[in-house]
Amino acid sequence: MFLLVALSAVIAPFIFLVIFRMTAVKGMFLSAIIVIALALFVWGMGGTIVIASILQGIHKALTILLILFGAIVLLNTLRHTGAVDRINQGFRSISGDMRVQVIIVAFLFGALIEGAAGFGTPAAVTGPLMVALGFNPIAAATLALIADSSSVPFGAVGTPVQIGLSNIQGADLAFFNEIGVKITLIDLFAGTFMPFVLVAILTFFFGKKKGQSGVLSMLPWTLLIGITYTGSALLFAVVVGQEFVSILASLTGLFVATLTAKKKFLLPKVQWNDALQADFKINDRKIDMSIMKAWSPYVIVVGLLLITRIVDPVKDFTLSYLNLTWNNILGMKGVTSEWEVLYSPGTVLILAAVFAILIQRKSFSNFAKASKDSLGSIKSAGLALFSTLALVQVFTNSGMNMNDLISMPQYIAESLAVTFGTAWVFVAPFLGELGAFITGSATVSTLTFSPIQSNIANQTGVSESVILALQVIGSAAGNMICVHNVVAASTVVGLAGKEGDIIRKTLIPAILYGVFAGIGGFILLSIIG
């Protein structure tokens, strides 16, 4: 019975969003009510800790809304200045094939954003860019979420590894780098196929013919890009360390993809554009703006994100000033929600929009209008995120109860461990996915489950580093299906209310990634003994 109660945080959203096809606003509100009621009356959480957890969730939702607002206001500003049209012309000069564009924009450019920012930022940036290229909005949101996977273990300059595994005894830089190498070794099997999976999803679900047409002909090029990314990721993990893997591997991939796409190397002769919006018209008029000026706001985004994360004086400043962190909410020790406003990717995105006006020499009325439009776009997302994060925090804090029960996440993990035993190598990534699905964060999933994964590895005599690597990989794959990421991705492309439809399309790739990761982990264990 307790296992069913603990799993309610997974079962309720799945039923309401995926099976009943409710909007996230309604489905997550009902899910939150169910989980909160069970936490109070079955798990034995007190009223004060439940209310504190709900307030914690609302506060965390505000931090996500700032990122959403920043992503939308930047795109809207660039639309008003004409930069988006110029950027799209640049993409089309590389290739007019939508299959190529999704790899370059969602997989590789998204990985660059992930490496610098993390926290769901890539899908919020690449989704609208693909819509501007003519992609069907639901295709853009779905593909942006699926693409934001291989790069996530090393997102935000290595946060999921360094922070996620920080509660493992003896964890230090050498340990983090060892896990980073193991992740990239396993991902040679799982991540290499992601570009092909993206093309398959694009053509099967969103092409006019909805079949195999246009898939197999892309296999050679997508495998080249996949192995370029995962192979260079392994190289950088060994030589440089895990912090900059996503950034350096994405830049390597972008160079190879751009060069080969321009020369049509390994690409089919016929371009594929079957997923274009029905009323979309390609803008071929000459735009009086250089490609560098058009791209400059995104260069600023990556630059500011890196500076605020790796230059210690700047990092200390952004973490210290305008700090709206809420500590020990309602006096409950440890119930805290961090919000360093200047450090937030949302603030960086807003600053980039302002810089865009200055660099591109446009009127500030463009930014004002973009801000007004963007505020209207995030209203329904806010309602959905408040319920989602309230559920998440009650679930996470459920170890604070009057029945002397362990937390719901721990209960799920220990129950699974007893059930699967020595076959755990195939289950470990799915525990990571489960954690990310509920909490919405690869880092939080790993923080929550890594001690349990470590204990299971030691009990079964399996390599601890391999199991922990599988945890991180699984939590990264969980990004595809976690509710608040889906809410964010659907909001920025103008599809609030379609979250269930998106999860139905991202669920299979998420499961496949977990399967491939488990097989990769098994092969690695067989090799290292």
Protein backbone atom coordinates (compact mmCIF):
# COMPACT_ATOMS: atom_id res chain seq x y z
CA MET A 1 0.00 0.00 0.00
CA PHE A 2 2.79 2.46 0.91
CA LEU A 3 4.45 1.80 -2.45
CA LEU A 4 1.24 2.73 -4.25
CA VAL A 5 0.98 5.92 -2.19
CA ALA A 6 4.60 6.82 -2.98
CA LEU A 7 4.00 6.15 -6.69
CA SER A 8 0.92 8.40 -6.70
CA ALA A 9 3.23 11.28 -7.70
CA VAL A 10 3.91 9.37 -10.92
CA ILE A 11 0.60 7.60 -11.49
CA ALA A 12 -1.72 10.60 -11.05
CA PRO A 13 0.03 12.91 -13.57
CA PHE A 14 0.29 10.03 -16.06
CA ILE A 15 -3.42 9.25 -15.80
CA PHE A 16 -4.62 12.85 -15.99
CA LEU A 17 -2.19 14.18 -18.61
CA VAL A 18 -1.46 11.18 -20.82
CA ILE A 19 -4.56 8.98 -20.57
CA PHE A 20 -7.30 11.56 -19.92
CA ARG A 21 -5.47 14.25 -21.96
CA MET A 22 -6.19 17.00 -19.46
CA THR A 23 -4.29 20.28 -19.61
CA ALA A 24 -1.39 20.59 -17.19
CA VAL A 25 -3.28 23.32 -15.31
CA LYS A 26 -6.15 20.95 -14.48
CA GLY A 27 -4.29 17.63 -14.44
CA MET A 28 -1.46 18.77 -12.19
CA PHE A 29 -3.87 20.55 -9.83
CA LEU A 30 -5.81 17.31 -9.34
CA SER A 31 -2.54 15.34 -9.02
CA ALA A 32 -1.27 17.73 -6.38
CA ILE A 33 -4.51 17.42 -4.40
CA ILE A 34 -4.24 13.62 -4.43
CA VAL A 35 -0.56 13.50 -3.44
CA ILE A 36 -1.00 16.13 -0.70
CA ALA A 37 -4.02 14.29 0.75
CA LEU A 38 -2.12 10.97 0.79
CA ALA A 39 0.91 12.67 2.35
CA LEU A 40 -1.27 14.06 5.14
CA PHE A 41 -3.54 11.13 5.89
CA VAL A 42 -1.45 8.08 4.97
CA TRP A 43 2.22 9.09 5.09
CA GLY A 44 1.70 11.12 8.25
CA MET A 45 3.17 14.45 7.17
CA GLY A 46 2.16 17.29 9.47
CA GLY A 47 0.15 20.27 8.26
CA THR A 48 3.02 22.71 8.78
CA ILE A 49 5.53 20.77 6.66
CA VAL A 50 2.93 20.27 3.93
CA ILE A 51 2.11 23.98 3.78
CA ALA A 52 5.83 24.84 3.88
CA SER A 53 6.42 22.41 1.00
CA ILE A 54 3.60 23.99 -1.03
CA LEU A 55 5.09 27.46 -0.45
CA GLN A 56 8.49 26.10 -1.40
CA GLY A 57 7.01 24.77 -4.63
CA ILE A 58 5.34 28.09 -5.47
CA HIS A 59 8.62 29.92 -4.86
CA LYS A 60 10.52 27.49 -7.10
CA ALA A 61 7.84 27.91 -9.79
CA LEU A 62 8.57 31.64 -9.84
CA THR A 63 12.24 30.91 -10.58
CA ILE A 64 11.20 28.82 -13.59
CA LEU A 65 8.75 31.45 -14.78
CA LEU A 66 11.60 33.97 -14.90
CA ILE A 67 13.50 31.64 -17.25
CA LEU A 68 10.40 31.18 -19.41
CA PHE A 69 9.80 34.91 -19.55
CA GLY A 70 13.44 35.52 -20.49
CA ALA A 71 13.38 32.95 -23.30
CA ILE A 72 10.12 34.28 -24.77
CA VAL A 73 11.03 37.96 -24.45
CA LEU A 74 14.37 37.36 -26.19
CA LEU A 75 12.72 35.58 -29.09
CA ASN A 76 9.91 38.15 -29.37
CA THR A 77 12.42 40.99 -29.31
CA LEU A 78 14.45 39.35 -32.10
CA ARG A 79 11.27 38.82 -34.09
CA HIS A 80 10.49 42.54 -33.86
CA THR A 81 14.02 43.55 -34.84
CA GLY A 82 14.08 41.17 -37.81
CA ALA A 83 16.96 39.12 -36.38
CA VAL A 84 14.94 35.89 -36.33
CA ASP A 85 14.37 36.10 -40.09
CA ARG A 86 18.10 36.68 -40.60
CA ILE A 87 19.00 33.75 -38.34
CA ASN A 88 16.62 31.51 -40.24
CA GLN A 89 18.17 32.56 -43.54
CA GLY A 90 21.52 31.56 -42.04
CA PHE A 91 20.20 28.13 -41.12
CA ARG A 92 18.73 27.69 -44.59
CA SER A 93 22.06 28.62 -46.16
CA ILE A 94 23.48 25.58 -44.35
CA SER A 95 20.55 23.36 -45.28
CA GLY A 96 16.88 23.80 -46.09
CA ASP A 97 16.22 20.23 -44.96
CA MET A 98 14.20 20.16 -41.72
CA ARG A 99 15.88 16.90 -40.69
CA VAL A 100 19.26 18.63 -40.73
CA GLN A 101 17.89 21.74 -39.05
CA VAL A 102 16.52 19.78 -36.09
CA ILE A 103 19.96 18.26 -35.44
CA ILE A 104 21.78 21.58 -35.68
CA VAL A 105 19.26 23.65 -33.73
CA ALA A 106 17.76 21.26 -31.16
CA PHE A 107 20.53 18.71 -30.60
CA LEU A 108 23.76 20.69 -31.06
CA PHE A 109 22.85 24.32 -30.35
CA GLY A 110 20.61 23.05 -27.54
CA ALA A 111 23.58 21.13 -26.10
CA LEU A 112 25.64 24.32 -26.12
CA ILE A 113 22.92 26.14 -24.17
CA GLU A 114 22.61 23.14 -21.82
CA GLY A 115 26.34 23.13 -21.15
CA ALA A 116 26.23 26.78 -20.17
CA ALA A 117 22.85 27.08 -18.45
CA GLY A 118 20.95 23.85 -17.76
CA PHE A 119 17.71 24.12 -15.75
CA GLY A 120 15.45 23.45 -18.75
CA THR A 121 16.75 26.48 -20.66
CA PRO A 122 17.64 24.67 -23.95
CA ALA A 123 14.11 23.58 -24.84
CA ALA A 124 12.83 27.05 -23.98
CA VAL A 125 15.34 28.54 -26.45
CA THR A 126 15.44 26.00 -29.29
CA GLY A 127 11.69 25.29 -29.43
CA PRO A 128 10.74 28.84 -30.48
CA LEU A 129 13.69 28.96 -32.90
CA MET A 130 12.34 25.88 -34.68
CA VAL A 131 8.83 27.37 -34.80
CA ALA A 132 10.37 30.43 -36.46
CA LEU A 133 11.97 28.07 -39.00
CA GLY A 134 8.51 26.78 -39.85
CA PHE A 135 8.28 23.68 -37.67
CA ASN A 136 4.85 22.66 -36.43
CA PRO A 137 4.74 24.00 -32.81
CA ILE A 138 4.07 20.60 -31.24
CA ALA A 139 6.93 19.13 -33.29
CA ALA A 140 9.22 21.92 -32.10
CA ALA A 141 8.36 21.38 -28.42
CA THR A 142 8.61 17.58 -28.66
CA LEU A 143 11.93 17.57 -30.50
CA ALA A 144 13.44 20.25 -28.26
CA LEU A 145 12.66 18.10 -25.20
CA ILE A 146 14.00 14.87 -26.72
CA ALA A 147 17.17 16.59 -27.94
CA ASP A 148 17.91 17.93 -24.45
CA SER A 149 19.17 14.61 -23.11
CA SER A 150 22.73 13.56 -23.99
CA SER A 151 24.14 16.91 -22.91
CA VAL A 152 22.27 17.11 -19.59
CA PRO A 153 24.75 15.15 -17.39
CA PHE A 154 27.24 17.94 -18.00
CA GLY A 155 24.75 20.82 -18.03
CA ALA A 156 25.36 24.14 -16.28
CA VAL A 157 29.11 23.46 -16.26
CA GLY A 158 28.80 19.98 -14.74
CA THR A 159 26.13 20.64 -12.10
CA PRO A 160 24.28 17.26 -12.32
CA VAL A 161 27.55 15.42 -11.67
CA GLN A 162 29.24 17.77 -9.23
CA ILE A 163 26.18 18.73 -7.18
CA GLY A 164 24.08 15.64 -7.86
CA LEU A 165 26.79 13.29 -6.57
CA SER A 166 28.08 15.58 -3.83
CA ASN A 167 26.39 13.54 -1.09
CA ILE A 168 28.35 10.38 -1.93
CA GLN A 169 30.99 9.68 0.71
CA GLY A 170 34.48 10.53 -0.52
CA ALA A 171 33.23 12.50 -3.53
CA ASP A 172 35.92 14.84 -4.89
CA LEU A 173 37.00 16.24 -8.25
CA ALA A 174 38.76 13.00 -9.24
CA PHE A 175 35.59 11.05 -8.40
CA PHE A 176 33.42 13.43 -10.45
CA ASN A 177 35.78 13.13 -13.42
CA GLU A 178 35.75 9.33 -13.15
CA ILE A 179 31.95 9.32 -13.27
CA GLY A 180 32.08 11.74 -16.20
CA VAL A 181 34.26 9.34 -18.18
CA LYS A 182 31.92 6.43 -17.39
CA ILE A 183 28.91 8.50 -18.52
CA THR A 184 30.54 9.28 -21.86
CA LEU A 185 31.59 5.63 -22.34
CA ILE A 186 28.01 4.43 -21.80
CA ASP A 187 26.68 7.23 -23.96
CA LEU A 188 28.76 5.97 -26.90
CA PHE A 189 26.01 3.37 -27.13
CA ALA A 190 22.97 5.42 -26.09
CA GLY A 191 23.68 9.00 -27.14
CA THR A 192 25.16 8.20 -30.56
CA PHE A 193 21.71 7.27 -31.85
CA MET A 194 19.94 10.41 -30.59
CA PRO A 195 20.25 12.38 -33.86
CA PHE A 196 18.71 9.46 -35.74
CA VAL A 197 15.94 9.15 -33.13
CA LEU A 198 15.14 12.85 -33.57
CA VAL A 199 14.86 12.43 -37.35
CA ALA A 200 12.68 9.34 -36.89
CA ILE A 201 10.34 11.16 -34.49
CA LEU A 202 10.16 14.15 -36.84
CA THR A 203 9.25 12.08 -39.89
CA PHE A 204 7.02 9.45 -38.25
CA PHE A 205 4.93 11.79 -36.09
CA PHE A 206 5.01 15.08 -37.94
CA GLY A 207 5.65 14.38 -41.62
CA LYS A 208 2.72 14.60 -44.02
CA LYS A 209 3.18 10.94 -44.99
CA LYS A 210 3.91 9.82 -41.38
CA GLY A 211 5.99 6.82 -42.39
CA GLN A 212 9.53 5.64 -43.10
CA SER A 213 10.00 8.03 -45.99
CA GLY A 214 12.99 10.23 -45.29
CA VAL A 215 14.29 8.28 -42.28
CA LEU A 216 16.75 5.61 -43.46
CA SER A 217 18.43 7.92 -45.96
CA MET A 218 19.50 10.08 -43.00
CA LEU A 219 21.07 7.22 -41.04
CA PRO A 220 24.69 7.72 -42.26
CA TRP A 221 24.80 11.46 -41.56
CA THR A 222 22.99 11.23 -38.20
CA LEU A 223 25.37 8.49 -37.04
CA LEU A 224 28.32 10.67 -38.09
CA ILE A 225 26.99 13.56 -36.02
CA GLY A 226 26.08 11.26 -33.13
CA ILE A 227 29.53 9.67 -32.91
CA THR A 228 31.16 13.07 -33.38
CA TYR A 229 29.28 14.35 -30.34
CA THR A 230 29.65 11.30 -28.08
CA GLY A 231 33.21 10.51 -29.22
CA SER A 232 34.42 14.05 -28.63
CA ALA A 233 32.52 14.08 -25.31
CA LEU A 234 34.55 11.05 -24.20
CA LEU A 235 37.77 12.71 -25.35
CA PHE A 236 37.01 15.94 -23.48
CA ALA A 237 35.91 14.05 -20.35
CA VAL A 238 39.28 12.26 -20.29
CA VAL A 239 41.47 15.23 -21.21
CA VAL A 240 39.66 18.28 -19.75
CA GLY A 241 37.28 16.90 -17.11
CA GLN A 242 33.51 16.79 -16.89
CA GLU A 243 32.61 20.48 -16.45
CA PHE A 244 32.96 21.54 -20.10
CA VAL A 245 32.00 18.32 -21.89
CA SER A 246 28.66 19.54 -23.27
CA ILE A 247 30.04 22.89 -24.38
CA LEU A 248 33.10 21.52 -26.17
CA ALA A 249 31.34 18.48 -27.67
CA SER A 250 28.50 20.64 -29.00
CA LEU A 251 30.94 23.07 -30.61
CA THR A 252 32.74 20.15 -32.22
CA GLY A 253 29.45 18.73 -33.44
CA LEU A 254 28.30 22.10 -34.79
CA PHE A 255 31.51 22.47 -36.79
CA VAL A 256 31.22 18.99 -38.33
CA ALA A 257 27.46 19.27 -38.94
CA THR A 258 27.73 22.68 -40.59
CA LEU A 259 30.66 21.66 -42.80
CA THR A 260 29.12 18.34 -43.93
CA ALA A 261 25.62 19.78 -44.39
CA LYS A 262 26.89 22.59 -46.61
CA LYS A 263 28.77 20.07 -48.76
CA LYS A 264 25.80 17.64 -48.60
CA PHE A 265 28.19 14.92 -47.41
CA LEU A 266 26.28 11.69 -46.57
CA LEU A 267 23.00 13.56 -47.03
CA PRO A 268 20.20 12.62 -49.46
CA LYS A 269 19.83 14.78 -52.56
CA VAL A 270 16.14 15.52 -51.98
CA GLN A 271 15.38 17.98 -49.19
CA TRP A 272 12.63 17.05 -46.72
CA ASN A 273 10.18 19.73 -45.53
CA ASP A 274 7.04 17.72 -44.80
CA ALA A 275 6.65 19.09 -41.27
CA LEU A 276 6.31 22.74 -42.24
CA GLN A 277 3.36 24.64 -40.81
CA ALA A 278 0.54 24.72 -43.35
CA ASP A 279 0.51 28.51 -43.70
CA PHE A 280 4.26 29.07 -43.30
CA LYS A 281 5.98 31.24 -45.88
CA ILE A 282 9.76 31.36 -46.17
CA ASN A 283 11.03 34.93 -46.03
CA ASP A 284 13.61 35.31 -48.80
CA ARG A 285 13.75 39.10 -48.84
CA LYS A 286 17.14 40.62 -48.18
CA ILE A 287 17.49 41.73 -44.57
CA ASP A 288 19.77 44.63 -43.76
CA MET A 289 21.48 42.92 -40.83
CA SER A 290 24.65 40.87 -40.69
CA ILE A 291 24.44 37.29 -39.48
CA MET A 292 26.78 38.17 -36.61
CA LYS A 293 24.49 40.98 -35.43
CA ALA A 294 21.50 38.67 -35.64
CA TRP A 295 23.24 35.95 -33.62
CA SER A 296 24.94 38.33 -31.17
CA PRO A 297 22.22 38.05 -28.45
CA TYR A 298 22.70 34.27 -28.29
CA VAL A 299 26.48 34.71 -28.19
CA ILE A 300 25.91 37.09 -25.29
CA VAL A 301 23.67 34.51 -23.58
CA VAL A 302 26.36 31.80 -23.74
CA GLY A 303 29.10 34.26 -22.77
CA LEU A 304 27.24 35.69 -19.75
CA LEU A 305 26.23 32.24 -18.56
CA LEU A 306 29.82 31.03 -18.67
CA ILE A 307 31.21 34.17 -17.03
CA THR A 308 28.70 33.97 -14.17
CA ARG A 309 29.54 30.33 -13.59
CA ILE A 310 33.32 30.05 -13.98
CA VAL A 311 34.70 33.52 -13.10
CA ASP A 312 34.64 33.42 -9.31
CA PRO A 313 34.31 37.18 -8.53
CA VAL A 314 31.41 37.52 -10.99
CA LYS A 315 29.85 34.29 -9.73
CA ASP A 316 30.09 35.48 -6.13
CA PHE A 317 28.50 38.82 -7.05
CA THR A 318 25.55 37.28 -8.92
CA LEU A 319 24.96 34.78 -6.12
CA SER A 320 25.07 37.43 -3.39
CA TYR A 321 23.17 40.44 -4.73
CA LEU A 322 19.43 40.47 -5.35
CA ASN A 323 19.12 37.14 -3.57
CA LEU A 324 15.48 36.17 -3.03
CA THR A 325 16.24 32.77 -1.50
CA TRP A 326 13.65 31.66 1.09
CA ASN A 327 15.34 29.74 3.90
CA ASN A 328 13.67 27.43 6.42
CA ILE A 329 10.14 28.20 5.26
CA LEU A 330 7.64 28.43 8.18
CA GLY A 331 10.54 27.51 10.45
CA MET A 332 10.96 24.06 8.88
CA LYS A 333 14.69 23.38 8.78
CA GLY A 334 15.96 22.43 5.34
CA VAL A 335 12.78 23.49 3.52
CA THR A 336 14.47 26.12 1.39
CA SER A 337 14.05 27.50 -2.12
CA GLU A 338 17.01 29.25 -3.71
CA TRP A 339 16.57 32.17 -6.10
CA GLU A 340 19.68 34.16 -6.92
CA VAL A 341 18.02 36.48 -9.45
CA LEU A 342 21.20 37.78 -11.11
CA TYR A 343 22.51 34.21 -11.47
CA SER A 344 19.31 32.98 -13.12
CA PRO A 345 19.41 32.09 -16.85
CA GLY A 346 16.18 34.09 -17.11
CA THR A 347 17.95 37.32 -16.13
CA VAL A 348 20.72 36.57 -18.64
CA LEU A 349 18.13 36.05 -21.39
CA ILE A 350 16.41 39.35 -20.55
CA LEU A 351 19.77 41.18 -20.58
CA ALA A 352 20.53 39.63 -23.97
CA ALA A 353 17.22 41.00 -25.30
CA VAL A 354 18.22 44.50 -24.12
CA PHE A 355 21.66 44.13 -25.70
CA ALA A 356 19.96 43.02 -28.93
CA ILE A 357 18.18 46.37 -29.13
CA LEU A 358 21.48 48.23 -28.65
CA ILE A 359 23.59 46.10 -31.01
CA GLN A 360 20.98 45.92 -33.74
CA ARG A 361 20.17 49.63 -33.31
CA LYS A 362 16.43 49.28 -32.96
CA SER A 363 13.87 51.15 -30.90
CA PHE A 364 13.29 50.09 -27.28
CA SER A 365 9.61 49.96 -28.13
CA ASN A 366 10.42 46.55 -29.65
CA PHE A 367 11.56 45.31 -26.23
CA ALA A 368 8.56 46.86 -24.47
CA LYS A 369 6.10 45.23 -26.86
CA ALA A 370 7.96 41.91 -26.60
CA SER A 371 7.78 42.09 -22.79
CA LYS A 372 4.04 42.74 -22.80
CA ASP A 373 3.40 39.85 -25.20
CA SER A 374 5.66 37.53 -23.18
CA LEU A 375 3.92 38.22 -19.88
CA GLY A 376 0.64 37.17 -21.46
CA SER A 377 2.24 33.96 -22.73
CA ILE A 378 3.27 32.61 -19.33
CA LYS A 379 0.00 33.01 -17.39
CA SER A 380 -1.27 29.46 -17.84
CA ALA A 381 2.25 28.08 -17.39
CA GLY A 382 2.36 29.74 -13.97
CA LEU A 383 -0.83 28.01 -12.83
CA ALA A 384 0.46 24.63 -14.03
CA LEU A 385 3.89 25.11 -12.46
CA PHE A 386 2.49 26.12 -9.05
CA SER A 387 0.60 22.80 -8.79
CA THR A 388 3.47 20.78 -10.26
CA LEU A 389 6.14 22.15 -7.95
CA ALA A 390 3.83 21.91 -4.90
CA LEU A 391 3.43 18.19 -5.66
CA VAL A 392 7.18 17.80 -6.17
CA GLN A 393 8.14 19.42 -2.88
CA VAL A 394 5.58 17.49 -0.82
CA PHE A 395 6.89 14.29 -2.43
CA THR A 396 10.52 15.27 -1.80
CA ASN A 397 9.98 16.38 1.82
CA SER A 398 7.83 13.37 2.74
CA GLY A 399 10.60 11.98 4.95
CA MET A 400 9.48 14.57 7.53
CA ASN A 401 6.52 12.66 8.93
CA MET A 402 5.03 11.40 12.19
CA ASN A 403 4.96 7.72 11.16
CA ASP A 404 8.76 7.28 11.10
CA LEU A 405 8.59 6.41 7.40
CA ILE A 406 11.39 7.08 4.97
CA SER A 407 10.62 9.56 2.19
CA MET A 408 8.48 8.53 -0.77
CA PRO A 409 11.45 8.63 -3.20
CA GLN A 410 13.51 6.39 -0.91
CA TYR A 411 10.58 4.00 -0.45
CA ILE A 412 10.22 3.62 -4.23
CA ALA A 413 13.95 3.07 -4.72
CA GLU A 414 14.30 0.47 -1.96
CA SER A 415 11.23 -1.41 -3.17
CA LEU A 416 12.65 -1.56 -6.70
CA ALA A 417 16.04 -2.71 -5.40
CA VAL A 418 14.49 -5.66 -3.53
CA THR A 419 12.52 -6.63 -6.64
CA PHE A 420 15.31 -6.49 -9.25
CA GLY A 421 18.46 -7.38 -7.27
CA THR A 422 21.38 -8.33 -9.53
CA ALA A 423 19.61 -7.08 -12.67
CA TRP A 424 19.92 -3.58 -11.26
CA VAL A 425 22.23 -2.38 -14.05
CA PHE A 426 19.19 -2.36 -16.37
CA VAL A 427 16.97 -0.64 -13.77
CA ALA A 428 19.36 2.05 -12.53
CA PRO A 429 18.76 4.48 -15.42
CA PHE A 430 14.99 4.20 -14.97
CA LEU A 431 15.24 5.18 -11.30
CA GLY A 432 17.06 8.28 -12.53
CA GLU A 433 14.31 8.91 -15.08
CA LEU A 434 11.63 8.46 -12.45
CA GLY A 435 13.34 11.00 -10.22
CA ALA A 436 13.62 13.54 -13.03
CA PHE A 437 10.02 12.95 -14.13
CA ILE A 438 8.76 13.86 -10.68
CA THR A 439 11.25 16.51 -9.57
CA GLY A 440 11.93 18.05 -12.99
CA SER A 441 15.68 18.13 -12.41
CA ALA A 442 18.52 15.76 -13.25
CA THR A 443 20.49 17.27 -10.38
CA VAL A 444 17.71 16.79 -7.80
CA SER A 445 17.02 13.27 -9.07
CA THR A 446 20.68 12.37 -8.62
CA LEU A 447 20.92 14.07 -5.22
CA THR A 448 17.87 12.10 -4.10
CA PHE A 449 18.73 8.68 -5.47
CA SER A 450 22.54 8.52 -5.72
CA PRO A 451 23.06 7.29 -2.12
CA ILE A 452 20.52 4.51 -2.76
CA GLN A 453 22.17 3.64 -6.08
CA SER A 454 25.54 3.54 -4.32
CA ASN A 455 24.23 1.20 -1.59
CA ILE A 456 22.67 -1.15 -4.15
CA ALA A 457 25.93 -1.26 -6.13
CA ASN A 458 27.91 -2.15 -3.02
CA GLN A 459 25.38 -4.80 -1.91
CA THR A 460 25.32 -6.50 -5.32
CA GLY A 461 29.05 -6.20 -5.97
CA VAL A 462 28.52 -4.12 -9.12
CA SER A 463 30.84 -1.21 -9.97
CA GLU A 464 29.61 1.83 -8.03
CA SER A 465 30.90 4.27 -10.65
CA VAL A 466 28.97 2.52 -13.45
CA ILE A 467 25.71 2.49 -11.46
CA LEU A 468 26.08 6.15 -10.53
CA ALA A 469 26.84 6.99 -14.17
CA LEU A 470 23.61 5.21 -15.14
CA GLN A 471 21.73 7.22 -12.51
CA VAL A 472 22.96 10.49 -14.04
CA ILE A 473 22.23 9.33 -17.61
CA GLY A 474 18.75 8.21 -16.62
CA SER A 475 18.00 11.48 -14.87
CA ALA A 476 19.09 13.28 -18.05
CA ALA A 477 16.72 11.19 -20.16
CA GLY A 478 13.96 12.03 -17.69
CA ASN A 479 14.21 15.63 -18.91
CA MET A 480 12.17 14.54 -21.93
CA ILE A 481 9.11 13.70 -19.87
CA CYS A 482 9.27 15.72 -16.64
CA VAL A 483 6.09 17.74 -16.33
CA HIS A 484 7.46 21.20 -15.66
CA ASN A 485 9.92 20.94 -18.58
CA VAL A 486 7.00 19.92 -20.80
CA VAL A 487 4.93 22.84 -19.48
CA ALA A 488 7.82 25.19 -20.24
CA ALA A 489 8.43 23.79 -23.74
CA SER A 490 4.75 23.92 -24.68
CA THR A 491 4.37 27.46 -23.33
CA VAL A 492 7.22 28.99 -25.33
CA VAL A 493 5.85 27.63 -28.61
CA GLY A 494 2.31 28.78 -27.82
CA LEU A 495 0.81 25.37 -27.01
CA ALA A 496 -0.22 25.65 -23.36
CA GLY A 497 -2.68 22.84 -22.65
CA LYS A 498 -1.08 20.27 -24.97
CA GLU A 499 1.29 18.81 -22.38
CA GLY A 500 -0.25 15.33 -22.44
CA ASP A 501 0.08 15.11 -26.23
CA ILE A 502 3.76 16.03 -25.95
CA ILE A 503 4.50 13.50 -23.18
CA ARG A 504 2.91 10.73 -25.28
CA LYS A 505 5.48 11.48 -27.99
CA THR A 506 8.51 11.89 -25.71
CA LEU A 507 7.76 8.83 -23.56
CA ILE A 508 9.00 6.23 -26.06
CA PRO A 509 12.36 7.96 -26.70
CA ALA A 510 12.83 8.35 -22.94
CA ILE A 511 12.24 4.62 -22.40
CA LEU A 512 14.52 3.73 -25.32
CA TYR A 513 17.27 5.90 -23.92
CA GLY A 514 17.00 4.09 -20.59
CA VAL A 515 17.13 0.71 -22.33
CA PHE A 516 20.18 1.68 -24.41
CA ALA A 517 21.89 3.10 -21.33
CA GLY A 518 21.26 -0.14 -19.41
CA ILE A 519 22.71 -2.21 -22.26
CA GLY A 520 25.68 0.17 -22.50
CA GLY A 521 26.24 -0.14 -18.76
CA PHE A 522 26.08 -3.95 -18.99
CA ILE A 523 28.65 -3.97 -21.81
CA LEU A 524 30.94 -1.65 -19.82
CA LEU A 525 30.65 -3.89 -16.75
CA SER A 526 31.50 -6.91 -18.90
CA ILE A 527 34.62 -5.16 -20.15
CA ILE A 528 35.94 -3.82 -16.84
CA GLY A 529 34.90 -6.93 -14.91
